[in-house]
Amino acid sequence: MAHPIQTTWMWHDEDSGGVLAAIIDLEAQCIQWLDQPGCACGDSASEQSIADFLRQGPRWLQPPADVEAEMRAALAQAAGVL
């Protein structure tokens, strides 16, 4: 049985004391970058294509190195499954 592919990450934002997040949408082939998920703020999400992320790295939020590595590993796993 294959292990499910992780598609969501959250990490502490040192600057604001809040939380940042990324959600991979494999069907839409994009990553949603969320600044303070759960708040009622407007303009707290940005979208980046998976292809752009793989070529250029994160564009709007900078996840910790271990989170970015996990995201890349999940995308590699998804590529092998899809």
PDB file of N, CA and C in Angstrom:
ATOM      1  N   MET A   1       0.847  -1.186   0.000  1.00  0.00           N
ATOM      2  CA  MET A   1       0.000   0.000   0.000  1.00  0.00           C
ATOM      3  C   MET A   1       0.888   1.244   0.000  1.00  0.00           C
ATOM      4  N   ALA A   2       0.613   2.157  -0.899  1.00  0.00           N
ATOM      5  CA  ALA A   2       1.410   3.389  -1.010  1.00  0.00           C
ATOM      6  C   ALA A   2       1.081   4.338   0.142  1.00  0.00           C
ATOM      7  N   HIS A   3       2.082   5.056   0.580  1.00  0.00           N
ATOM      8  CA  HIS A   3       1.875   6.059   1.622  1.00  0.00           C
ATOM      9  C   HIS A   3       1.249   7.305   1.004  1.00  0.00           C
ATOM     10  N   PRO A   4       0.348   7.958   1.712  1.00  0.00           N
ATOM     11  CA  PRO A   4      -0.233   9.198   1.171  1.00  0.00           C
ATOM     12  C   PRO A   4       0.842  10.265   1.013  1.00  0.00           C
ATOM     13  N   ILE A   5       0.657  11.095   0.033  1.00  0.00           N
ATOM     14  CA  ILE A   5       1.609  12.168  -0.238  1.00  0.00           C
ATOM     15  C   ILE A   5       1.222  13.394   0.586  1.00  0.00           C
ATOM     16  N   GLN A   6       2.179  13.889   1.368  1.00  0.00           N
ATOM     17  CA  GLN A   6       1.923  15.088   2.170  1.00  0.00           C
ATOM     18  C   GLN A   6       1.781  16.283   1.237  1.00  0.00           C
ATOM     19  N   THR A   7       0.756  17.088   1.471  1.00  0.00           N
ATOM     20  CA  THR A   7       0.518  18.252   0.610  1.00  0.00           C
ATOM     21  C   THR A   7       0.347  19.550   1.382  1.00  0.00           C
ATOM     22  N   THR A   8       0.490  19.525   2.694  1.00  0.00           N
ATOM     23  CA  THR A   8       0.344  20.752   3.485  1.00  0.00           C
ATOM     24  C   THR A   8       1.472  20.880   4.501  1.00  0.00           C
ATOM     25  N   TRP A   9       1.909  22.111   4.693  1.00  0.00           N
ATOM     26  CA  TRP A   9       2.956  22.421   5.661  1.00  0.00           C
ATOM     27  C   TRP A   9       2.636  23.735   6.345  1.00  0.00           C
ATOM     28  N   MET A  10       2.981  23.831   7.617  1.00  0.00           N
ATOM     29  CA  MET A  10       2.875  25.079   8.373  1.00  0.00           C
ATOM     30  C   MET A  10       4.172  25.255   9.147  1.00  0.00           C
ATOM     31  N   TRP A  11       4.593  26.509   9.297  1.00  0.00           N
ATOM     32  CA  TRP A  11       5.794  26.785  10.076  1.00  0.00           C
ATOM     33  C   TRP A  11       5.657  28.137  10.758  1.00  0.00           C
ATOM     34  N   HIS A  12       6.400  28.294  11.829  1.00  0.00           N
ATOM     35  CA  HIS A  12       6.390  29.518  12.623  1.00  0.00           C
ATOM     36  C   HIS A  12       7.100  30.632  11.868  1.00  0.00           C
ATOM     37  N   ASP A  13       6.507  31.812  11.865  1.00  0.00           N
ATOM     38  CA  ASP A  13       7.111  32.995  11.248  1.00  0.00           C
ATOM     39  C   ASP A  13       7.761  33.825  12.350  1.00  0.00           C
ATOM     40  N   GLU A  14       9.078  33.819  12.396  1.00  0.00           N
ATOM     41  CA  GLU A  14       9.825  34.539  13.439  1.00  0.00           C
ATOM     42  C   GLU A  14       9.498  36.039  13.438  1.00  0.00           C
ATOM     43  N   ASP A  15       9.371  36.634  12.248  1.00  0.00           N
ATOM     44  CA  ASP A  15       9.161  38.084  12.148  1.00  0.00           C
ATOM     45  C   ASP A  15       7.847  38.539  12.775  1.00  0.00           C
ATOM     46  N   SER A  16       6.771  37.821  12.483  1.00  0.00           N
ATOM     47  CA  SER A  16       5.454  38.252  12.970  1.00  0.00           C
ATOM     48  C   SER A  16       5.006  37.499  14.223  1.00  0.00           C
ATOM     49  N   GLY A  17       5.663  36.386  14.519  1.00  0.00           N
ATOM     50  CA  GLY A  17       5.219  35.554  15.631  1.00  0.00           C
ATOM     51  C   GLY A  17       4.025  34.700  15.255  1.00  0.00           C
ATOM     52  N   GLY A  18       3.631  34.750  13.998  1.00  0.00           N
ATOM     53  CA  GLY A  18       2.477  33.984  13.522  1.00  0.00           C
ATOM     54  C   GLY A  18       2.894  32.721  12.789  1.00  0.00           C
ATOM     55  N   VAL A  19       2.055  32.331  11.859  1.00  0.00           N
ATOM     56  CA  VAL A  19       2.249  31.078  11.135  1.00  0.00           C
ATOM     57  C   VAL A  19       2.165  31.341   9.637  1.00  0.00           C
ATOM     58  N   LEU A  20       2.987  30.625   8.884  1.00  0.00           N
ATOM     59  CA  LEU A  20       2.935  30.634   7.422  1.00  0.00           C
ATOM     60  C   LEU A  20       2.648  29.209   6.972  1.00  0.00           C
ATOM     61  N   ALA A  21       2.152  29.051   5.745  1.00  0.00           N
ATOM     62  CA  ALA A  21       1.793  27.710   5.288  1.00  0.00           C
ATOM     63  C   ALA A  21       1.917  27.602   3.776  1.00  0.00           C
ATOM     64  N   ALA A  22       1.987  26.361   3.325  1.00  0.00           N
ATOM     65  CA  ALA A  22       1.973  26.052   1.895  1.00  0.00           C
ATOM     66  C   ALA A  22       1.088  24.837   1.692  1.00  0.00           C
ATOM     67  N   ILE A  23       0.301  24.880   0.625  1.00  0.00           N
ATOM     68  CA  ILE A  23      -0.569  23.766   0.256  1.00  0.00           C
ATOM     69  C   ILE A  23      -0.292  23.431  -1.205  1.00  0.00           C
ATOM     70  N   ILE A  24       0.073  22.190  -1.460  1.00  0.00           N
ATOM     71  CA  ILE A  24       0.274  21.741  -2.835  1.00  0.00           C
ATOM     72  C   ILE A  24      -1.047  21.178  -3.345  1.00  0.00           C
ATOM     73  N   ASP A  25      -1.497  21.708  -4.475  1.00  0.00           N
ATOM     74  CA  ASP A  25      -2.699  21.203  -5.140  1.00  0.00           C
ATOM     75  C   ASP A  25      -2.224  20.466  -6.389  1.00  0.00           C
ATOM     76  N   LEU A  26      -2.123  19.137  -6.288  1.00  0.00           N
ATOM     77  CA  LEU A  26      -1.601  18.344  -7.403  1.00  0.00           C
ATOM     78  C   LEU A  26      -2.516  18.406  -8.620  1.00  0.00           C
ATOM     79  N   GLU A  27      -3.805  18.456  -8.394  1.00  0.00           N
ATOM     80  CA  GLU A  27      -4.753  18.498  -9.507  1.00  0.00           C
ATOM     81  C   GLU A  27      -4.616  19.796 -10.308  1.00  0.00           C
ATOM     82  N   ALA A  28      -4.498  20.920  -9.608  1.00  0.00           N
ATOM     83  CA  ALA A  28      -4.376  22.224 -10.269  1.00  0.00           C
ATOM     84  C   ALA A  28      -2.922  22.558 -10.625  1.00  0.00           C
ATOM     85  N   GLN A  29      -1.973  21.710 -10.171  1.00  0.00           N
ATOM     86  CA  GLN A  29      -0.552  21.910 -10.439  1.00  0.00           C
ATOM     87  C   GLN A  29      -0.045  23.251  -9.914  1.00  0.00           C
ATOM     88  N   CYS A  30      -0.456  23.579  -8.668  1.00  0.00           N
ATOM     89  CA  CYS A  30      -0.013  24.837  -8.079  1.00  0.00           C
ATOM     90  C   CYS A  30       0.239  24.678  -6.583  1.00  0.00           C
ATOM     91  N   ILE A  31       0.914  25.670  -6.036  1.00  0.00           N
ATOM     92  CA  ILE A  31       1.146  25.758  -4.603  1.00  0.00           C
ATOM     93  C   ILE A  31       0.493  27.035  -4.115  1.00  0.00           C
ATOM     94  N   GLN A  32      -0.313  26.927  -3.073  1.00  0.00           N
ATOM     95  CA  GLN A  32      -0.898  28.086  -2.414  1.00  0.00           C
ATOM     96  C   GLN A  32       0.006  28.445  -1.244  1.00  0.00           C
ATOM     97  N   TRP A  33       0.508  29.661  -1.235  1.00  0.00           N
ATOM     98  CA  TRP A  33       1.322  30.170  -0.125  1.00  0.00           C
ATOM     99  C   TRP A  33       0.404  31.011   0.742  1.00  0.00           C
ATOM    100  N   LEU A  34       0.326  30.715   2.039  1.00  0.00           N
ATOM    101  CA  LEU A  34      -0.606  31.390   2.940  1.00  0.00           C
ATOM    102  C   LEU A  34       0.146  32.115   4.040  1.00  0.00           C
ATOM    103  N   ASP A  35      -0.141  33.394   4.167  1.00  0.00           N
ATOM    104  CA  ASP A  35       0.433  34.227   5.220  1.00  0.00           C
ATOM    105  C   ASP A  35      -0.617  34.351   6.312  1.00  0.00           C
ATOM    106  N   GLN A  36      -0.346  33.797   7.469  1.00  0.00           N
ATOM    107  CA  GLN A  36      -1.266  33.812   8.616  1.00  0.00           C
ATOM    108  C   GLN A  36      -2.584  33.116   8.265  1.00  0.00           C
ATOM    109  N   PRO A  37      -2.539  31.813   7.893  1.00  0.00           N
ATOM    110  CA  PRO A  37      -3.782  31.109   7.567  1.00  0.00           C
ATOM    111  C   PRO A  37      -4.760  31.150   8.740  1.00  0.00           C
ATOM    112  N   GLY A  38      -6.009  31.280   8.397  1.00  0.00           N
ATOM    113  CA  GLY A  38      -7.042  31.308   9.436  1.00  0.00           C
ATOM    114  C   GLY A  38      -7.426  32.702   9.872  1.00  0.00           C
ATOM    115  N   CYS A  39      -6.630  33.713   9.499  1.00  0.00           N
ATOM    116  CA  CYS A  39      -7.023  35.067   9.876  1.00  0.00           C
ATOM    117  C   CYS A  39      -8.029  35.597   8.858  1.00  0.00           C
ATOM    118  N   ALA A  40      -8.709  36.633   9.199  1.00  0.00           N
ATOM    119  CA  ALA A  40      -9.714  37.207   8.312  1.00  0.00           C
ATOM    120  C   ALA A  40      -9.119  38.269   7.400  1.00  0.00           C
ATOM    121  N   CYS A  41      -7.798  38.243   7.260  1.00  0.00           N
ATOM    122  CA  CYS A  41      -7.103  39.240   6.445  1.00  0.00           C
ATOM    123  C   CYS A  41      -7.336  38.980   4.965  1.00  0.00           C
ATOM    124  N   GLY A  42      -7.366  40.026   4.176  1.00  0.00           N
ATOM    125  CA  GLY A  42      -7.409  39.876   2.728  1.00  0.00           C
ATOM    126  C   GLY A  42      -5.997  39.761   2.183  1.00  0.00           C
ATOM    127  N   ASP A  43      -5.866  39.287   0.977  1.00  0.00           N
ATOM    128  CA  ASP A  43      -4.573  39.179   0.297  1.00  0.00           C
ATOM    129  C   ASP A  43      -3.544  38.392   1.098  1.00  0.00           C
ATOM    130  N   SER A  44      -3.981  37.327   1.727  1.00  0.00           N
ATOM    131  CA  SER A  44      -3.048  36.536   2.526  1.00  0.00           C
ATOM    132  C   SER A  44      -2.593  35.278   1.809  1.00  0.00           C
ATOM    133  N   ALA A  45      -2.973  35.125   0.528  1.00  0.00           N
ATOM    134  CA  ALA A  45      -2.585  33.936  -0.231  1.00  0.00           C
ATOM    135  C   ALA A  45      -1.988  34.335  -1.569  1.00  0.00           C
ATOM    136  N   SER A  46      -1.006  33.579  -1.984  1.00  0.00           N
ATOM    137  CA  SER A  46      -0.395  33.737  -3.297  1.00  0.00           C
ATOM    138  C   SER A  46      -0.311  32.363  -3.927  1.00  0.00           C
ATOM    139  N   GLU A  47      -0.345  32.328  -5.246  1.00  0.00           N
ATOM    140  CA  GLU A  47      -0.307  31.059  -5.956  1.00  0.00           C
ATOM    141  C   GLU A  47       0.934  30.998  -6.839  1.00  0.00           C
ATOM    142  N   GLN A  48       1.559  29.832  -6.889  1.00  0.00           N
ATOM    143  CA  GLN A  48       2.736  29.606  -7.723  1.00  0.00           C
ATOM    144  C   GLN A  48       2.576  28.249  -8.393  1.00  0.00           C
ATOM    145  N   SER A  49       2.912  28.155  -9.661  1.00  0.00           N
ATOM    146  CA  SER A  49       2.817  26.856 -10.319  1.00  0.00           C
ATOM    147  C   SER A  49       3.892  25.924  -9.757  1.00  0.00           C
ATOM    148  N   ILE A  50       3.595  24.648  -9.765  1.00  0.00           N
ATOM    149  CA  ILE A  50       4.568  23.662  -9.302  1.00  0.00           C
ATOM    150  C   ILE A  50       5.811  23.708 -10.178  1.00  0.00           C
ATOM    151  N   ALA A  51       5.620  23.840 -11.485  1.00  0.00           N
ATOM    152  CA  ALA A  51       6.767  23.900 -12.400  1.00  0.00           C
ATOM    153  C   ALA A  51       7.683  25.077 -12.060  1.00  0.00           C
ATOM    154  N   ASP A  52       7.099  26.237 -11.768  1.00  0.00           N
ATOM    155  CA  ASP A  52       7.898  27.409 -11.406  1.00  0.00           C
ATOM    156  C   ASP A  52       8.628  27.181 -10.082  1.00  0.00           C
ATOM    157  N   PHE A  53       7.945  26.589  -9.105  1.00  0.00           N
ATOM    158  CA  PHE A  53       8.570  26.285  -7.822  1.00  0.00           C
ATOM    159  C   PHE A  53       9.774  25.362  -8.014  1.00  0.00           C
ATOM    160  N   LEU A  54       9.614  24.343  -8.840  1.00  0.00           N
ATOM    161  CA  LEU A  54      10.715  23.403  -9.061  1.00  0.00           C
ATOM    162  C   LEU A  54      11.886  24.054  -9.776  1.00  0.00           C
ATOM    163  N   ARG A  55      11.610  25.010 -10.665  1.00  0.00           N
ATOM    164  CA  ARG A  55      12.683  25.715 -11.393  1.00  0.00           C
ATOM    165  C   ARG A  55      13.327  26.817 -10.561  1.00  0.00           C
ATOM    166  N   GLN A  56      12.498  27.641  -9.917  1.00  0.00           N
ATOM    167  CA  GLN A  56      12.973  28.881  -9.296  1.00  0.00           C
ATOM    168  C   GLN A  56      12.974  28.880  -7.774  1.00  0.00           C
ATOM    169  N   GLY A  57      12.299  27.904  -7.161  1.00  0.00           N
ATOM    170  CA  GLY A  57      12.146  27.918  -5.707  1.00  0.00           C
ATOM    171  C   GLY A  57      10.943  28.752  -5.311  1.00  0.00           C
ATOM    172  N   PRO A  58      10.708  28.890  -4.020  1.00  0.00           N
ATOM    173  CA  PRO A  58       9.542  29.649  -3.554  1.00  0.00           C
ATOM    174  C   PRO A  58       9.666  31.128  -3.915  1.00  0.00           C
ATOM    175  N   ARG A  59       8.555  31.717  -4.353  1.00  0.00           N
ATOM    176  CA  ARG A  59       8.582  33.121  -4.787  1.00  0.00           C
ATOM    177  C   ARG A  59       8.012  34.094  -3.759  1.00  0.00           C
ATOM    178  N   TRP A  60       7.005  33.710  -2.971  1.00  0.00           N
ATOM    179  CA  TRP A  60       6.345  34.666  -2.086  1.00  0.00           C
ATOM    180  C   TRP A  60       6.724  34.498  -0.624  1.00  0.00           C
ATOM    181  N   LEU A  61       6.784  33.295  -0.165  1.00  0.00           N
ATOM    182  CA  LEU A  61       7.178  33.032   1.208  1.00  0.00           C
ATOM    183  C   LEU A  61       8.402  32.133   1.181  1.00  0.00           C
ATOM    184  N   GLN A  62       9.264  32.283   2.153  1.00  0.00           N
ATOM    185  CA  GLN A  62      10.461  31.450   2.211  1.00  0.00           C
ATOM    186  C   GLN A  62      10.331  30.455   3.360  1.00  0.00           C
ATOM    187  N   PRO A  63       9.988  29.207   3.040  1.00  0.00           N
ATOM    188  CA  PRO A  63       9.893  28.213   4.105  1.00  0.00           C
ATOM    189  C   PRO A  63      11.290  27.849   4.612  1.00  0.00           C
ATOM    190  N   PRO A  64      11.371  27.315   5.820  1.00  0.00           N
ATOM    191  CA  PRO A  64      12.657  26.819   6.306  1.00  0.00           C
ATOM    192  C   PRO A  64      13.192  25.750   5.344  1.00  0.00           C
ATOM    193  N   ALA A  65      14.491  25.559   5.331  1.00  0.00           N
ATOM    194  CA  ALA A  65      15.126  24.619   4.405  1.00  0.00           C
ATOM    195  C   ALA A  65      14.538  23.214   4.514  1.00  0.00           C
ATOM    196  N   ASP A  66      14.241  22.761   5.741  1.00  0.00           N
ATOM    197  CA  ASP A  66      13.701  21.407   5.894  1.00  0.00           C
ATOM    198  C   ASP A  66      12.295  21.294   5.306  1.00  0.00           C
ATOM    199  N   VAL A  67      11.498  22.354   5.404  1.00  0.00           N
ATOM    200  CA  VAL A  67      10.149  22.348   4.829  1.00  0.00           C
ATOM    201  C   VAL A  67      10.237  22.338   3.310  1.00  0.00           C
ATOM    202  N   GLU A  68      11.100  23.169   2.742  1.00  0.00           N
ATOM    203  CA  GLU A  68      11.245  23.174   1.280  1.00  0.00           C
ATOM    204  C   GLU A  68      11.717  21.810   0.788  1.00  0.00           C
ATOM    205  N   ALA A  69      12.643  21.192   1.507  1.00  0.00           N
ATOM    206  CA  ALA A  69      13.126  19.858   1.125  1.00  0.00           C
ATOM    207  C   ALA A  69      11.986  18.838   1.171  1.00  0.00           C
ATOM    208  N   GLU A  70      11.133  18.911   2.197  1.00  0.00           N
ATOM    209  CA  GLU A  70       9.985  18.010   2.286  1.00  0.00           C
ATOM    210  C   GLU A  70       9.016  18.245   1.132  1.00  0.00           C
ATOM    211  N   MET A  71       8.794  19.500   0.770  1.00  0.00           N
ATOM    212  CA  MET A  71       7.897  19.816  -0.345  1.00  0.00           C
ATOM    213  C   MET A  71       8.441  19.234  -1.646  1.00  0.00           C
ATOM    214  N   ARG A  72       9.732  19.409  -1.879  1.00  0.00           N
ATOM    215  CA  ARG A  72      10.350  18.870  -3.101  1.00  0.00           C
ATOM    216  C   ARG A  72      10.284  17.337  -3.120  1.00  0.00           C
ATOM    217  N   ALA A  73      10.492  16.703  -1.963  1.00  0.00           N
ATOM    218  CA  ALA A  73      10.406  15.248  -1.885  1.00  0.00           C
ATOM    219  C   ALA A  73       8.971  14.774  -2.165  1.00  0.00           C
ATOM    220  N   ALA A  74       7.985  15.493  -1.649  1.00  0.00           N
ATOM    221  CA  ALA A  74       6.583  15.136  -1.892  1.00  0.00           C
ATOM    222  C   ALA A  74       6.249  15.263  -3.376  1.00  0.00           C
ATOM    223  N   LEU A  75       6.772  16.307  -4.018  1.00  0.00           N
ATOM    224  CA  LEU A  75       6.516  16.480  -5.448  1.00  0.00           C
ATOM    225  C   LEU A  75       7.195  15.397  -6.264  1.00  0.00           C
ATOM    226  N   ALA A  76       8.390  14.983  -5.862  1.00  0.00           N
ATOM    227  CA  ALA A  76       9.084  13.888  -6.542  1.00  0.00           C
ATOM    228  C   ALA A  76       8.292  12.586  -6.368  1.00  0.00           C
ATOM    229  N   GLN A  77       7.767  12.360  -5.152  1.00  0.00           N
ATOM    230  CA  GLN A  77       6.962  11.174  -4.890  1.00  0.00           C
ATOM    231  C   GLN A  77       5.697  11.209  -5.745  1.00  0.00           C
ATOM    232  N   ALA A  78       5.058  12.371  -5.820  1.00  0.00           N
ATOM    233  CA  ALA A  78       3.829  12.501  -6.618  1.00  0.00           C
ATOM    234  C   ALA A  78       4.111  12.245  -8.088  1.00  0.00           C
ATOM    235  N   ALA A  79       5.245  12.708  -8.576  1.00  0.00           N
ATOM    236  CA  ALA A  79       5.600  12.500  -9.990  1.00  0.00           C
ATOM    237  C   ALA A  79       5.743  11.008 -10.295  1.00  0.00           C
ATOM    238  N   GLY A  80       6.217  10.257  -9.312  1.00  0.00           N
ATOM    239  CA  GLY A  80       6.365   8.821  -9.498  1.00  0.00           C
ATOM    240  C   GLY A  80       5.058   8.061  -9.416  1.00  0.00           C
ATOM    241  N   VAL A  81       4.050   8.665  -8.804  1.00  0.00           N
ATOM    242  CA  VAL A  81       2.763   8.022  -8.598  1.00  0.00           C
ATOM    243  C   VAL A  81       1.773   8.402  -9.688  1.00  0.00           C
ATOM    244  N   LEU A  82       1.834   9.642 -10.143  1.00  0.00           N
ATOM    245  CA  LEU A  82       0.852  10.158 -11.106  1.00  0.00           C
ATOM    246  C   LEU A  82       1.093   9.654 -12.505  1.00  0.00           C
TER     247      LEU A  82
END
